[in-house]
PDB file of N, CA and C in Angstrom:
ATOM      1  N   MET A   1      12.178 282.271 196.524  1.00  0.00           N
ATOM      2  CA  MET A   1      11.750 283.151 197.596  1.00  0.00           C
ATOM      3  C   MET A   1      12.977 283.628 198.362  1.00  0.00           C
ATOM      4  N   LYS A   2      12.994 284.920 198.676  1.00  0.00           N
ATOM      5  CA  LYS A   2      14.079 285.479 199.460  1.00  0.00           C
ATOM      6  C   LYS A   2      13.961 285.042 200.910  1.00  0.00           C
ATOM      7  N   LYS A   3      15.086 284.982 201.574  1.00  0.00           N
ATOM      8  CA  LYS A   3      15.091 284.633 202.987  1.00  0.00           C
ATOM      9  C   LYS A   3      14.854 285.887 203.827  1.00  0.00           C
ATOM     10  N   CYS A   4      14.010 285.771 204.810  1.00  0.00           N
ATOM     11  CA  CYS A   4      13.729 286.877 205.722  1.00  0.00           C
ATOM     12  C   CYS A   4      14.964 287.125 206.589  1.00  0.00           C
ATOM     13  N   ILE A   5      15.400 288.383 206.693  1.00  0.00           N
ATOM     14  CA  ILE A   5      16.599 288.674 207.489  1.00  0.00           C
ATOM     15  C   ILE A   5      16.262 289.072 208.919  1.00  0.00           C
ATOM     16  N   TYR A   6      14.993 289.312 209.203  1.00  0.00           N
ATOM     17  CA  TYR A   6      14.593 289.714 210.551  1.00  0.00           C
ATOM     18  C   TYR A   6      14.139 288.483 211.328  1.00  0.00           C
ATOM     19  N   LYS A   7      14.564 288.378 212.563  1.00  0.00           N
ATOM     20  CA  LYS A   7      14.228 287.221 213.393  1.00  0.00           C
ATOM     21  C   LYS A   7      12.975 287.441 214.234  1.00  0.00           C
ATOM     22  N   ASN A   8      12.665 288.713 214.563  1.00  0.00           N
ATOM     23  CA  ASN A   8      11.462 289.024 215.333  1.00  0.00           C
ATOM     24  C   ASN A   8      11.051 290.465 215.047  1.00  0.00           C
ATOM     25  N   TYR A   9       9.890 290.825 215.533  1.00  0.00           N
ATOM     26  CA  TYR A   9       9.353 292.163 215.257  1.00  0.00           C
ATOM     27  C   TYR A   9      10.238 293.282 215.806  1.00  0.00           C
ATOM     28  N   GLU A  10      10.914 293.051 216.912  1.00  0.00           N
ATOM     29  CA  GLU A  10      11.752 294.088 217.509  1.00  0.00           C
ATOM     30  C   GLU A  10      12.942 294.449 216.624  1.00  0.00           C
ATOM     31  N   ASP A  11      13.351 293.533 215.734  1.00  0.00           N
ATOM     32  CA  ASP A  11      14.474 293.798 214.834  1.00  0.00           C
ATOM     33  C   ASP A  11      14.090 294.725 213.676  1.00  0.00           C
ATOM     34  N   LEU A  12      12.794 294.874 213.422  1.00  0.00           N
ATOM     35  CA  LEU A  12      12.339 295.715 212.314  1.00  0.00           C
ATOM     36  C   LEU A  12      12.629 297.182 212.598  1.00  0.00           C
ATOM     37  N   PRO A  13      12.947 297.958 211.554  1.00  0.00           N
ATOM     38  CA  PRO A  13      13.130 299.401 211.754  1.00  0.00           C
ATOM     39  C   PRO A  13      11.809 300.054 212.162  1.00  0.00           C
ATOM     40  N   LEU A  14      11.889 301.156 212.870  1.00  0.00           N
ATOM     41  CA  LEU A  14      10.695 301.871 213.317  1.00  0.00           C
ATOM     42  C   LEU A  14       9.855 302.328 212.132  1.00  0.00           C
ATOM     43  N   MET A  15      10.503 302.844 211.098  1.00  0.00           N
ATOM     44  CA  MET A  15       9.844 303.222 209.849  1.00  0.00           C
ATOM     45  C   MET A  15      10.486 302.396 208.742  1.00  0.00           C
ATOM     46  N   MET A  16       9.668 301.628 208.056  1.00  0.00           N
ATOM     47  CA  MET A  16      10.172 300.689 207.056  1.00  0.00           C
ATOM     48  C   MET A  16      10.001 301.239 205.644  1.00  0.00           C
ATOM     49  N   ASN A  17      11.021 301.034 204.808  1.00  0.00           N
ATOM     50  CA  ASN A  17      10.913 301.391 203.399  1.00  0.00           C
ATOM     51  C   ASN A  17      10.637 300.116 202.600  1.00  0.00           C
ATOM     52  N   ALA A  18      10.609 300.221 201.274  1.00  0.00           N
ATOM     53  CA  ALA A  18      10.289 299.057 200.441  1.00  0.00           C
ATOM     54  C   ALA A  18      11.284 297.925 200.661  1.00  0.00           C
ATOM     55  N   GLU A  19      12.544 298.255 200.806  1.00  0.00           N
ATOM     56  CA  GLU A  19      13.557 297.216 200.998  1.00  0.00           C
ATOM     57  C   GLU A  19      13.356 296.469 202.319  1.00  0.00           C
ATOM     58  N   SER A  20      13.063 297.194 203.392  1.00  0.00           N
ATOM     59  CA  SER A  20      12.870 296.515 204.674  1.00  0.00           C
ATOM     60  C   SER A  20      11.562 295.708 204.683  1.00  0.00           C
ATOM     61  N   VAL A  21      10.529 296.185 203.984  1.00  0.00           N
ATOM     62  CA  VAL A  21       9.293 295.398 203.848  1.00  0.00           C
ATOM     63  C   VAL A  21       9.600 294.109 203.089  1.00  0.00           C
ATOM     64  N   ALA A  22      10.365 294.222 202.006  1.00  0.00           N
ATOM     65  CA  ALA A  22      10.737 293.047 201.221  1.00  0.00           C
ATOM     66  C   ALA A  22      11.519 292.053 202.070  1.00  0.00           C
ATOM     67  N   ASN A  23      12.471 292.547 202.835  1.00  0.00           N
ATOM     68  CA  ASN A  23      13.280 291.671 203.683  1.00  0.00           C
ATOM     69  C   ASN A  23      12.450 291.023 204.784  1.00  0.00           C
ATOM     70  N   ALA A  24      11.509 291.757 205.347  1.00  0.00           N
ATOM     71  CA  ALA A  24      10.678 291.216 206.419  1.00  0.00           C
ATOM     72  C   ALA A  24       9.757 290.115 205.912  1.00  0.00           C
ATOM     73  N   LEU A  25       9.253 290.274 204.690  1.00  0.00           N
ATOM     74  CA  LEU A  25       8.299 289.308 204.137  1.00  0.00           C
ATOM     75  C   LEU A  25       8.956 288.232 203.280  1.00  0.00           C
ATOM     76  N   GLY A  26      10.240 288.402 202.978  1.00  0.00           N
ATOM     77  CA  GLY A  26      10.927 287.431 202.138  1.00  0.00           C
ATOM     78  C   GLY A  26      10.476 287.495 200.691  1.00  0.00           C
ATOM     79  N   ILE A  27      10.182 288.716 200.208  1.00  0.00           N
ATOM     80  CA  ILE A  27       9.739 288.917 198.829  1.00  0.00           C
ATOM     81  C   ILE A  27      10.726 289.831 198.119  1.00  0.00           C
ATOM     82  N   SER A  28      10.574 289.974 196.813  1.00  0.00           N
ATOM     83  CA  SER A  28      11.450 290.858 196.051  1.00  0.00           C
ATOM     84  C   SER A  28      11.105 292.316 196.344  1.00  0.00           C
ATOM     85  N   ARG A  29      12.045 293.188 196.062  1.00  0.00           N
ATOM     86  CA  ARG A  29      11.806 294.613 196.260  1.00  0.00           C
ATOM     87  C   ARG A  29      10.693 295.103 195.331  1.00  0.00           C
ATOM     88  N   ALA A  30      10.646 294.564 194.113  1.00  0.00           N
ATOM     89  CA  ALA A  30       9.576 294.931 193.170  1.00  0.00           C
ATOM     90  C   ALA A  30       8.203 294.551 193.732  1.00  0.00           C
ATOM     91  N   SER A  31       8.112 293.378 194.333  1.00  0.00           N
ATOM     92  CA  SER A  31       6.849 292.959 194.940  1.00  0.00           C
ATOM     93  C   SER A  31       6.487 293.847 196.122  1.00  0.00           C
ATOM     94  N   ALA A  32       7.487 294.275 196.862  1.00  0.00           N
ATOM     95  CA  ALA A  32       7.237 295.174 197.995  1.00  0.00           C
ATOM     96  C   ALA A  32       6.687 296.506 197.499  1.00  0.00           C
ATOM     97  N   TYR A  33       7.234 297.032 196.415  1.00  0.00           N
ATOM     98  CA  TYR A  33       6.720 298.292 195.854  1.00  0.00           C
ATOM     99  C   TYR A  33       5.265 298.136 195.430  1.00  0.00           C
ATOM    100  N   GLU A  34       4.917 297.007 194.850  1.00  0.00           N
ATOM    101  CA  GLU A  34       3.523 296.757 194.475  1.00  0.00           C
ATOM    102  C   GLU A  34       2.634 296.714 195.713  1.00  0.00           C
ATOM    103  N   LEU A  35       3.116 296.082 196.759  1.00  0.00           N
ATOM    104  CA  LEU A  35       2.361 295.989 198.003  1.00  0.00           C
ATOM    105  C   LEU A  35       2.144 297.372 198.612  1.00  0.00           C
ATOM    106  N   LEU A  36       3.157 298.228 198.540  1.00  0.00           N
ATOM    107  CA  LEU A  36       3.051 299.579 199.091  1.00  0.00           C
ATOM    108  C   LEU A  36       1.957 300.393 198.402  1.00  0.00           C
ATOM    109  N   LYS A  37       1.621 300.025 197.172  1.00  0.00           N
ATOM    110  CA  LYS A  37       0.595 300.745 196.404  1.00  0.00           C
ATOM    111  C   LYS A  37      -0.813 300.221 196.662  1.00  0.00           C
ATOM    112  N   LYS A  38      -0.923 299.041 197.261  1.00  0.00           N
ATOM    113  CA  LYS A  38      -2.241 298.413 197.440  1.00  0.00           C
ATOM    114  C   LYS A  38      -3.068 299.123 198.503  1.00  0.00           C
ATOM    115  N   GLU A  39      -4.359 299.218 198.205  1.00  0.00           N
ATOM    116  CA  GLU A  39      -5.295 299.793 199.166  1.00  0.00           C
ATOM    117  C   GLU A  39      -5.356 298.885 200.397  1.00  0.00           C
ATOM    118  N   GLY A  40      -5.337 299.496 201.547  1.00  0.00           N
ATOM    119  CA  GLY A  40      -5.384 298.731 202.787  1.00  0.00           C
ATOM    120  C   GLY A  40      -4.024 298.457 203.400  1.00  0.00           C
ATOM    121  N   PHE A  41      -2.954 298.633 202.616  1.00  0.00           N
ATOM    122  CA  PHE A  41      -1.619 298.458 203.177  1.00  0.00           C
ATOM    123  C   PHE A  41      -1.232 299.774 203.848  1.00  0.00           C
ATOM    124  N   PRO A  42      -0.673 299.738 205.053  1.00  0.00           N
ATOM    125  CA  PRO A  42      -0.465 300.953 205.854  1.00  0.00           C
ATOM    126  C   PRO A  42       0.741 301.804 205.457  1.00  0.00           C
ATOM    127  N   ALA A  43       0.833 302.160 204.203  1.00  0.00           N
ATOM    128  CA  ALA A  43       1.948 302.976 203.722  1.00  0.00           C
ATOM    129  C   ALA A  43       1.628 304.464 203.879  1.00  0.00           C
ATOM    130  N   LEU A  44       2.638 305.214 204.273  1.00  0.00           N
ATOM    131  CA  LEU A  44       2.522 306.668 204.382  1.00  0.00           C
ATOM    132  C   LEU A  44       3.393 307.311 203.321  1.00  0.00           C
ATOM    133  N   ARG A  45       2.870 308.323 202.664  1.00  0.00           N
ATOM    134  CA  ARG A  45       3.659 309.069 201.687  1.00  0.00           C
ATOM    135  C   ARG A  45       4.078 310.380 202.324  1.00  0.00           C
ATOM    136  N   ILE A  46       5.384 310.543 202.489  1.00  0.00           N
ATOM    137  CA  ILE A  46       5.929 311.733 203.150  1.00  0.00           C
ATOM    138  C   ILE A  46       6.980 312.354 202.244  1.00  0.00           C
ATOM    139  N   GLU A  47       6.653 313.496 201.671  1.00  0.00           N
ATOM    140  CA  GLU A  47       7.572 314.249 200.816  1.00  0.00           C
ATOM    141  C   GLU A  47       8.271 313.363 199.788  1.00  0.00           C
ATOM    142  N   GLY A  48       7.490 312.586 199.063  1.00  0.00           N
ATOM    143  CA  GLY A  48       8.039 311.761 197.998  1.00  0.00           C
ATOM    144  C   GLY A  48       8.554 310.405 198.437  1.00  0.00           C
ATOM    145  N   ARG A  49       8.621 310.150 199.724  1.00  0.00           N
ATOM    146  CA  ARG A  49       9.051 308.852 200.245  1.00  0.00           C
ATOM    147  C   ARG A  49       7.835 308.058 200.686  1.00  0.00           C
ATOM    148  N   VAL A  50       7.944 306.762 200.599  1.00  0.00           N
ATOM    149  CA  VAL A  50       6.888 305.893 201.094  1.00  0.00           C
ATOM    150  C   VAL A  50       7.481 305.064 202.227  1.00  0.00           C
ATOM    151  N   VAL A  51       6.858 305.168 203.392  1.00  0.00           N
ATOM    152  CA  VAL A  51       7.322 304.428 204.567  1.00  0.00           C
ATOM    153  C   VAL A  51       6.135 303.743 205.236  1.00  0.00           C
ATOM    154  N   VAL A  52       6.460 302.736 206.030  1.00  0.00           N
ATOM    155  CA  VAL A  52       5.437 301.989 206.755  1.00  0.00           C
ATOM    156  C   VAL A  52       5.854 301.944 208.224  1.00  0.00           C
ATOM    157  N   PRO A  53       5.023 302.477 209.118  1.00  0.00           N
ATOM    158  CA  PRO A  53       5.343 302.379 210.539  1.00  0.00           C
ATOM    159  C   PRO A  53       5.358 300.908 210.983  1.00  0.00           C
ATOM    160  N   ARG A  54       6.347 300.536 211.768  1.00  0.00           N
ATOM    161  CA  ARG A  54       6.509 299.150 212.218  1.00  0.00           C
ATOM    162  C   ARG A  54       5.245 298.613 212.879  1.00  0.00           C
ATOM    163  N   ASP A  55       4.639 299.384 213.772  1.00  0.00           N
ATOM    164  CA  ASP A  55       3.453 298.882 214.477  1.00  0.00           C
ATOM    165  C   ASP A  55       2.292 298.622 213.526  1.00  0.00           C
ATOM    166  N   LYS A  56       2.108 299.483 212.523  1.00  0.00           N
ATOM    167  CA  LYS A  56       1.033 299.278 211.543  1.00  0.00           C
ATOM    168  C   LYS A  56       1.340 298.088 210.633  1.00  0.00           C
ATOM    169  N   PHE A  57       2.618 297.897 210.318  1.00  0.00           N
ATOM    170  CA  PHE A  57       3.028 296.739 209.523  1.00  0.00           C
ATOM    171  C   PHE A  57       2.718 295.444 210.268  1.00  0.00           C
ATOM    172  N   ILE A  58       3.047 295.402 211.545  1.00  0.00           N
ATOM    173  CA  ILE A  58       2.790 294.217 212.362  1.00  0.00           C
ATOM    174  C   ILE A  58       1.290 293.926 212.421  1.00  0.00           C
ATOM    175  N   GLU A  59       0.480 294.970 212.618  1.00  0.00           N
ATOM    176  CA  GLU A  59      -0.979 294.791 212.632  1.00  0.00           C
ATOM    177  C   GLU A  59      -1.458 294.221 211.304  1.00  0.00           C
ATOM    178  N   TRP A  60      -0.944 294.766 210.190  1.00  0.00           N
ATOM    179  CA  TRP A  60      -1.351 294.309 208.864  1.00  0.00           C
ATOM    180  C   TRP A  60      -0.984 292.843 208.672  1.00  0.00           C
ATOM    181  N   VAL A  61       0.218 292.461 209.067  1.00  0.00           N
ATOM    182  CA  VAL A  61       0.646 291.066 208.930  1.00  0.00           C
ATOM    183  C   VAL A  61      -0.276 290.154 209.728  1.00  0.00           C
ATOM    184  N   GLU A  62      -0.548 290.522 210.964  1.00  0.00           N
ATOM    185  CA  GLU A  62      -1.388 289.672 211.809  1.00  0.00           C
ATOM    186  C   GLU A  62      -2.824 289.576 211.286  1.00  0.00           C
ATOM    187  N   GLN A  63      -3.348 290.682 210.745  1.00  0.00           N
ATOM    188  CA  GLN A  63      -4.712 290.648 210.190  1.00  0.00           C
ATOM    189  C   GLN A  63      -4.780 289.805 208.925  1.00  0.00           C
ATOM    190  N   ASN A  64      -3.696 289.780 208.173  1.00  0.00           N
ATOM    191  CA  ASN A  64      -3.701 289.083 206.890  1.00  0.00           C
ATOM    192  C   ASN A  64      -3.141 287.670 206.950  1.00  0.00           C
ATOM    193  N   THR A  65      -2.796 287.220 208.131  1.00  0.00           N
ATOM    194  CA  THR A  65      -2.339 285.841 208.292  1.00  0.00           C
ATOM    195  C   THR A  65      -3.247 285.061 209.223  1.00  0.00           C
ATOM    196  N   GLY A  66      -4.354 285.664 209.633  1.00  0.00           N
ATOM    197  CA  GLY A  66      -5.321 284.970 210.450  1.00  0.00           C
ATOM    198  C   GLY A  66      -4.943 284.852 211.910  1.00  0.00           C
ATOM    199  N   LYS A  67      -3.992 285.652 212.362  1.00  0.00           N
ATOM    200  CA  LYS A  67      -3.592 285.607 213.782  1.00  0.00           C
ATOM    201  C   LYS A  67      -4.375 286.589 214.587  1.00  0.00           C
TER     202      LYS A  67
END
C-alpha cells in the first residue's frame, strides 16, 4: 500500500486528478483511474480531463467510511 502524502483535507488540491486521488487514498494510480470511472464517484469530465472537486471528494470519503 502506498503511503498517503496528505496530512489533512486542507492540504488537498482544490481540483484533484488521478494522481492526487491516489496519493490521498494511498492507492496506486491505476486503482485511482478505476475509481474515477465508478458510478457514484464525484468525477467531472472537462475537455478530456477527469478531475474531482476537493469538497465532493471529502463528502465521498466520509459517506464511504461510515463517518
